[in-house]
Amino acid sequence: MKFKATIEVARQASPVYSNVLAVHNGLMAQPPVPDLELEHSKFNSDVEAVRRYGESHSDDYVEELFENEPHIRLIVLMVGDHLAEHEAALRDLVRYPNQLEVRRTPFPRSRLEEIRQALEETVMSRPGAFTQLAIGRGRVNVQLAADQEALAASYHERFRDAIELRLGVFPYPPAPGAGDQEMGPPKVARPKLPLLPGEEFKVSLESEIVVASGGTTSGTLRLQNCGSMEAVIETNGAVTARVVDPQTGDGVGGFFGFQTAPLIIFRIPPGSTVSIPLLVGTTSSVRSLGYAVPPGSWAIEVPIQIEGRGKFRTSLLPILIQPSQHNV
């Protein structure tokens, strides 16, 4: 085997999974850090060089990624017994050789691609079951909706350590030895939003909200303007509820998945009522409850953005969560 620098034109890196949903998660997701993105951009030429090298050593090369602590490094994952030779060759190719590290990973790229392709068949036959499917950090990363525990169990049994599974917002299965820490973290704090002024607005549901545990449903929020000024409600076409324990007021879950973000406004003249589409998800954000908010009588509160005034939350509204048919 020759470990030489190659200068052939690199193929444009194609997405690992072109149909992956972009996840916007009100429970977890945070926007990228601009300064970190700027720092990573300094390595663009190094990334290109690594990918060109990987094309000519495809039996060993798996992928490249960044690690940011304790300092930024470009990590190249490879299989086989020639890591030192690969690292020496790569350091001759890149602009920042002291910030490049070759690291062993157990699964060749070809095996990861086989698994990804097998899972794609399920994506097509079970719409809504997947929220993410991609290769990353030397594994196939699979994120399933919170009501897909049976599917998660079958994947874990079939693929073991070659896949990184998340069910809802938590790893599946729980990490070995996590014990009480994994199953009983502090409860999710209630959002620190002021209540929508009751003397100005009346809030109700158009009809009863009934949803399966771990599932998602839609409804209609009715908002009446009892004040003397027009109110303008800013949305993305709908408002998204948070599930709340009605006894304690603690947030316990909500919607987890992709949402578009256009600005769509609802104008409410004084004395008028508008109907706003409502999205209700039941992914658990409290580990002790499981992956999905369990069946029972719960409540929701809905963040409301009023133009020129900021964000408020509604008073609690009742919902009924029923057992999921996916895990029976």
Protein backbone atom coordinates (compact mmCIF):
# COMPACT_ATOMS: atom_id res chain seq x y z
CA MET A 1 0.00 0.00 0.00
CA LYS A 2 1.33 3.44 -0.89
CA PHE A 3 0.63 6.39 1.36
CA LYS A 4 1.12 9.28 -1.02
CA ALA A 5 -0.41 12.70 -1.41
CA THR A 6 -2.94 12.73 -4.23
CA ILE A 7 -3.89 15.78 -6.26
CA GLU A 8 -6.79 14.49 -8.29
CA VAL A 9 -9.90 16.63 -8.37
CA ALA A 10 -12.19 15.71 -5.50
CA ARG A 11 -15.76 14.80 -6.14
CA GLN A 12 -18.18 17.22 -4.60
CA ALA A 13 -19.16 15.64 -1.29
CA SER A 14 -22.71 14.42 -1.65
CA PRO A 15 -25.14 14.38 1.28
CA VAL A 16 -25.07 11.08 3.11
CA TYR A 17 -28.84 10.98 3.06
CA SER A 18 -30.46 13.47 0.77
CA ASN A 19 -33.93 13.04 2.24
CA VAL A 20 -32.94 13.61 5.86
CA LEU A 21 -35.33 15.94 7.63
CA ALA A 22 -33.79 19.12 9.00
CA VAL A 23 -34.60 18.93 12.68
CA HIS A 24 -35.85 22.01 14.43
CA ASN A 25 -36.35 21.00 18.02
CA GLY A 26 -38.10 23.28 20.45
CA LEU A 27 -37.03 20.94 23.24
CA MET A 28 -33.32 20.81 22.47
CA ALA A 29 -31.98 22.42 19.32
CA GLN A 30 -29.72 25.45 19.51
CA PRO A 31 -28.51 27.60 16.60
CA PRO A 32 -24.89 27.17 15.47
CA VAL A 33 -22.26 29.31 17.14
CA PRO A 34 -21.11 31.88 14.53
CA ASP A 35 -17.54 32.13 15.90
CA LEU A 36 -17.14 28.36 15.75
CA GLU A 37 -18.38 28.25 12.17
CA LEU A 38 -15.83 30.92 11.27
CA GLU A 39 -13.03 28.92 12.89
CA HIS A 40 -14.08 25.77 11.08
CA SER A 41 -14.10 27.61 7.75
CA LYS A 42 -10.34 28.16 8.11
CA PHE A 43 -9.95 24.40 7.62
CA ASN A 44 -11.83 24.27 4.31
CA SER A 45 -8.75 23.52 2.25
CA ASP A 46 -7.65 20.87 4.77
CA VAL A 47 -11.06 19.18 4.57
CA GLU A 48 -10.81 19.14 0.76
CA ALA A 49 -7.35 17.58 0.99
CA VAL A 50 -8.56 14.92 3.42
CA ARG A 51 -11.47 14.00 1.16
CA ARG A 52 -9.22 13.72 -1.89
CA TYR A 53 -6.90 11.47 0.11
CA GLY A 54 -9.87 9.44 1.31
CA GLU A 55 -10.98 8.78 -2.26
CA SER A 56 -7.65 7.17 -3.06
CA HIS A 57 -7.67 5.14 0.21
CA SER A 58 -11.34 4.24 0.29
CA ASP A 59 -10.81 0.87 1.97
CA ASP A 60 -9.54 2.61 5.11
CA TYR A 61 -11.11 6.07 5.05
CA VAL A 62 -14.45 6.57 6.81
CA GLU A 63 -15.01 10.30 7.36
CA GLU A 64 -13.65 13.52 8.83
CA LEU A 65 -15.12 15.63 11.63
CA PHE A 66 -14.27 18.48 13.98
CA GLU A 67 -13.63 18.33 17.70
CA ASN A 68 -13.60 21.67 19.50
CA GLU A 69 -12.31 20.86 22.98
CA PRO A 70 -9.77 21.57 24.36
CA HIS A 71 -8.95 23.17 20.99
CA ILE A 72 -10.20 22.79 17.40
CA ARG A 73 -8.90 19.67 15.66
CA LEU A 74 -9.72 17.98 12.37
CA ILE A 75 -10.25 14.29 13.15
CA VAL A 76 -9.97 11.72 10.37
CA LEU A 77 -11.61 8.37 11.12
CA MET A 78 -10.05 5.30 9.51
CA VAL A 79 -10.06 1.53 9.84
CA GLY A 80 -7.13 -0.84 9.49
CA ASP A 81 -3.61 -1.06 10.85
CA HIS A 82 -1.93 1.85 9.05
CA LEU A 83 -3.10 4.85 11.06
CA ALA A 84 0.40 6.25 11.67
CA GLU A 85 1.24 6.13 7.97
CA HIS A 86 -2.05 7.76 7.02
CA GLU A 87 -1.54 10.53 9.57
CA ALA A 88 1.98 11.28 8.32
CA ALA A 89 0.78 11.43 4.71
CA LEU A 90 -2.18 13.65 5.56
CA ARG A 91 -0.11 16.08 7.59
CA ASP A 92 2.03 16.66 4.51
CA LEU A 93 -1.12 17.70 2.62
CA VAL A 94 -2.84 20.11 4.98
CA ARG A 95 -2.34 23.70 6.06
CA TYR A 96 -2.68 22.99 9.79
CA PRO A 97 -0.84 19.68 10.35
CA ASN A 98 -0.61 20.09 14.12
CA GLN A 99 -4.42 20.24 14.30
CA LEU A 100 -5.01 17.02 12.39
CA GLU A 101 -5.40 13.62 14.04
CA VAL A 102 -6.11 10.21 12.53
CA ARG A 103 -8.19 8.02 14.79
CA ARG A 104 -9.24 4.38 14.57
CA THR A 105 -12.92 3.53 14.13
CA PRO A 106 -14.36 0.00 14.11
CA PHE A 107 -16.65 0.06 11.07
CA PRO A 108 -15.56 0.61 7.45
CA ARG A 109 -17.49 3.11 5.38
CA SER A 110 -18.82 0.33 3.17
CA ARG A 111 -20.52 -1.34 6.15
CA LEU A 112 -22.07 1.93 7.30
CA GLU A 113 -23.40 2.57 3.79
CA GLU A 114 -24.96 -0.91 3.73
CA ILE A 115 -26.78 -0.23 6.99
CA ARG A 116 -27.92 3.21 5.86
CA GLN A 117 -29.33 1.79 2.64
CA ALA A 118 -31.18 -0.94 4.55
CA LEU A 119 -32.73 1.64 6.84
CA GLU A 120 -33.79 3.84 3.94
CA GLU A 121 -36.20 1.10 2.88
CA THR A 122 -37.97 1.48 6.23
CA VAL A 123 -38.06 5.27 5.84
CA MET A 124 -40.18 4.91 2.73
CA SER A 125 -42.57 2.38 4.27
CA ARG A 126 -43.03 4.10 7.64
CA PRO A 127 -43.54 7.83 7.10
CA GLY A 128 -43.02 9.86 10.24
CA ALA A 129 -41.02 7.17 12.04
CA PHE A 130 -37.63 8.80 11.36
CA THR A 131 -36.51 12.29 12.25
CA GLN A 132 -32.87 11.75 11.23
CA LEU A 133 -30.81 9.21 9.32
CA ALA A 134 -27.18 9.98 8.51
CA ILE A 135 -23.63 8.69 8.87
CA GLY A 136 -21.57 10.56 11.45
CA ARG A 137 -18.76 9.96 13.96
CA GLY A 138 -18.16 6.48 12.61
CA ARG A 139 -21.72 5.26 13.15
CA VAL A 140 -25.08 5.40 11.42
CA ASN A 141 -27.03 7.97 13.41
CA VAL A 142 -30.72 7.09 13.65
CA GLN A 143 -33.26 9.30 15.37
CA LEU A 144 -36.76 7.89 15.69
CA ALA A 145 -40.04 9.39 16.76
CA ALA A 146 -40.83 8.82 20.42
CA ASP A 147 -43.55 6.26 19.66
CA GLN A 148 -41.19 3.92 17.78
CA GLU A 149 -39.72 1.97 20.71
CA ALA A 150 -40.41 -1.41 19.11
CA LEU A 151 -38.57 -0.33 15.95
CA ALA A 152 -35.67 1.00 18.03
CA ALA A 153 -35.41 -2.34 19.85
CA SER A 154 -35.26 -4.25 16.57
CA TYR A 155 -32.54 -1.96 15.16
CA HIS A 156 -30.48 -2.22 18.33
CA GLU A 157 -30.69 -6.02 18.20
CA ARG A 158 -29.81 -6.11 14.50
CA PHE A 159 -27.02 -3.54 14.19
CA ARG A 160 -25.67 -3.14 17.76
CA ASP A 161 -22.73 -0.73 18.02
CA ALA A 162 -22.76 0.19 14.33
CA ILE A 163 -25.69 2.53 14.91
CA GLU A 164 -26.22 5.41 17.32
CA LEU A 165 -29.90 5.34 18.24
CA ARG A 166 -32.01 8.09 19.72
CA LEU A 167 -35.68 7.67 20.49
CA GLY A 168 -37.37 11.03 20.82
CA VAL A 169 -34.74 13.16 22.55
CA PHE A 170 -32.99 10.39 24.55
CA PRO A 171 -30.43 7.70 23.67
CA TYR A 172 -31.72 4.18 23.11
CA PRO A 173 -31.10 2.06 25.05
CA PRO A 174 -30.11 4.07 28.15
CA ALA A 175 -26.34 4.15 28.62
CA PRO A 176 -25.01 1.22 30.72
CA GLY A 177 -24.52 2.28 34.32
CA ALA A 178 -26.52 5.47 33.86
CA GLY A 179 -29.03 4.19 36.42
CA ASP A 180 -30.73 6.87 38.45
CA GLN A 181 -28.95 9.67 36.63
CA GLU A 182 -30.40 8.52 33.30
CA MET A 183 -33.86 7.74 34.60
CA GLY A 184 -34.44 10.59 37.03
CA PRO A 185 -32.99 13.99 36.08
CA PRO A 186 -34.45 17.23 37.43
CA LYS A 187 -37.80 18.11 35.92
CA VAL A 188 -37.83 20.44 32.96
CA ALA A 189 -38.31 24.02 34.10
CA ARG A 190 -41.46 25.76 32.99
CA PRO A 191 -40.71 28.40 30.35
CA LYS A 192 -40.22 31.77 31.96
CA LEU A 193 -42.75 33.56 29.83
CA PRO A 194 -45.37 35.94 31.21
CA LEU A 195 -48.96 34.80 31.05
CA LEU A 196 -51.08 36.18 28.23
CA PRO A 197 -53.08 38.98 29.94
CA GLY A 198 -56.48 37.52 30.79
CA GLU A 199 -58.19 40.91 30.68
CA GLU A 200 -57.11 41.33 27.04
CA PHE A 201 -57.35 37.82 25.60
CA LYS A 202 -59.52 34.75 25.97
CA VAL A 203 -58.05 31.44 24.85
CA SER A 204 -59.80 28.18 24.07
CA LEU A 205 -59.52 25.03 21.96
CA GLU A 206 -61.92 24.61 19.08
CA SER A 207 -62.31 20.92 19.99
CA GLU A 208 -60.86 18.39 22.41
CA ILE A 209 -57.23 17.41 21.78
CA VAL A 210 -56.69 13.64 21.83
CA VAL A 211 -53.30 12.28 20.79
CA ALA A 212 -51.41 8.99 21.05
CA SER A 213 -48.45 8.80 23.43
CA GLY A 214 -45.32 9.78 21.51
CA GLY A 215 -47.39 10.97 18.57
CA THR A 216 -48.29 14.32 17.08
CA THR A 217 -51.64 15.84 16.23
CA SER A 218 -53.07 19.13 15.08
CA GLY A 219 -55.88 21.25 16.42
CA THR A 220 -57.09 24.81 16.46
CA LEU A 221 -56.43 27.49 19.05
CA ARG A 222 -59.09 30.19 19.29
CA LEU A 223 -57.85 33.59 20.47
CA GLN A 224 -60.28 36.40 21.26
CA ASN A 225 -59.12 40.01 21.54
CA CYS A 226 -60.99 41.61 24.44
CA GLY A 227 -58.87 44.76 24.38
CA SER A 228 -59.26 48.07 22.63
CA MET A 229 -56.31 47.73 20.19
CA GLU A 230 -55.67 45.41 17.29
CA ALA A 231 -53.32 42.53 18.16
CA VAL A 232 -50.99 40.97 15.60
CA ILE A 233 -49.92 37.39 16.32
CA GLU A 234 -46.67 36.27 14.67
CA THR A 235 -46.43 32.58 13.74
CA ASN A 236 -44.85 30.19 11.24
CA GLY A 237 -48.34 29.30 10.08
CA ALA A 238 -49.18 27.56 13.34
CA VAL A 239 -48.40 27.71 17.03
CA THR A 240 -46.70 24.82 18.84
CA ALA A 241 -47.82 23.61 22.26
CA ARG A 242 -45.73 22.46 25.20
CA VAL A 243 -47.07 19.58 27.28
CA VAL A 244 -47.33 20.42 30.99
CA ASP A 245 -48.09 18.45 34.15
CA PRO A 246 -51.33 20.13 35.30
CA GLN A 247 -50.59 19.28 38.94
CA THR A 248 -47.14 20.88 39.15
CA GLY A 249 -47.01 23.21 36.15
CA ASP A 250 -43.73 21.58 35.06
CA GLY A 251 -43.02 21.15 31.36
CA VAL A 252 -42.77 17.47 30.41
CA GLY A 253 -42.54 17.39 26.61
CA GLY A 254 -43.72 18.67 23.28
CA PHE A 255 -43.16 18.52 19.54
CA PHE A 256 -39.79 17.34 18.21
CA GLY A 257 -39.19 17.48 14.48
CA PHE A 258 -38.99 19.65 11.39
CA GLN A 259 -40.90 22.89 10.99
CA THR A 260 -40.74 25.52 8.30
CA ALA A 261 -40.28 29.07 9.52
CA PRO A 262 -42.13 31.59 7.34
CA LEU A 263 -43.60 34.63 9.05
CA ILE A 264 -47.38 34.34 8.91
CA ILE A 265 -49.40 36.83 10.95
CA PHE A 266 -52.92 36.73 12.33
CA ARG A 267 -54.57 40.10 12.89
CA ILE A 268 -57.21 40.30 15.63
CA PRO A 269 -59.28 43.50 15.68
CA PRO A 270 -60.83 44.46 19.03
CA GLY A 271 -63.75 42.20 19.88
CA SER A 272 -62.82 39.63 17.22
CA THR A 273 -61.67 36.02 17.47
CA VAL A 274 -59.20 34.20 15.21
CA SER A 275 -58.54 30.50 14.76
CA ILE A 276 -54.84 29.59 14.63
CA PRO A 277 -53.58 26.13 13.63
CA LEU A 278 -52.11 24.32 16.63
CA LEU A 279 -49.40 21.63 16.63
CA VAL A 280 -49.25 19.26 19.62
CA GLY A 281 -46.45 16.72 20.09
CA THR A 282 -45.94 14.32 22.98
CA THR A 283 -42.22 13.55 22.92
CA SER A 284 -41.05 13.39 26.52
CA SER A 285 -38.38 15.77 27.78
CA VAL A 286 -38.29 14.16 31.26
CA ARG A 287 -36.33 10.90 31.27
CA SER A 288 -38.21 9.40 34.21
CA LEU A 289 -41.42 9.52 32.14
CA GLY A 290 -39.88 7.48 29.35
CA TYR A 291 -39.39 8.41 25.72
CA ALA A 292 -42.97 9.62 25.28
CA VAL A 293 -45.33 11.44 27.59
CA PRO A 294 -47.42 8.53 28.96
CA PRO A 295 -51.19 8.15 28.57
CA GLY A 296 -53.39 10.20 30.84
CA SER A 297 -54.89 13.63 31.35
CA TRP A 298 -52.31 16.33 30.74
CA ALA A 299 -52.30 19.99 29.80
CA ILE A 300 -50.69 22.22 27.22
CA GLU A 301 -49.55 25.81 27.21
CA VAL A 302 -48.93 27.65 23.97
CA PRO A 303 -46.27 30.34 23.43
CA ILE A 304 -47.82 33.36 21.68
CA GLN A 305 -45.68 36.01 19.96
CA ILE A 306 -47.42 39.42 19.79
CA GLU A 307 -45.97 41.96 17.40
CA GLY A 308 -44.33 44.80 19.29
CA ARG A 309 -44.95 43.22 22.70
CA GLY A 310 -42.94 40.02 22.84
CA LYS A 311 -43.74 36.43 23.76
CA PHE A 312 -46.35 35.22 26.24
CA ARG A 313 -47.81 31.86 27.22
CA THR A 314 -51.43 30.87 27.43
CA SER A 315 -53.11 29.51 30.51
CA LEU A 316 -53.22 25.71 30.71
CA LEU A 317 -55.54 23.87 28.34
CA PRO A 318 -56.51 20.19 28.80
CA ILE A 319 -55.47 17.36 26.48
CA LEU A 320 -55.93 13.59 26.61
CA ILE A 321 -53.03 11.29 25.74
CA GLN A 322 -53.95 7.73 24.75
CA PRO A 323 -51.79 4.59 24.49
CA SER A 324 -49.70 4.30 21.34
CA GLN A 325 -50.58 1.55 18.88
CA HIS A 326 -46.93 1.28 17.76
CA ASN A 327 -45.67 -0.23 21.00
CA VAL A 328 -48.51 -2.58 21.94
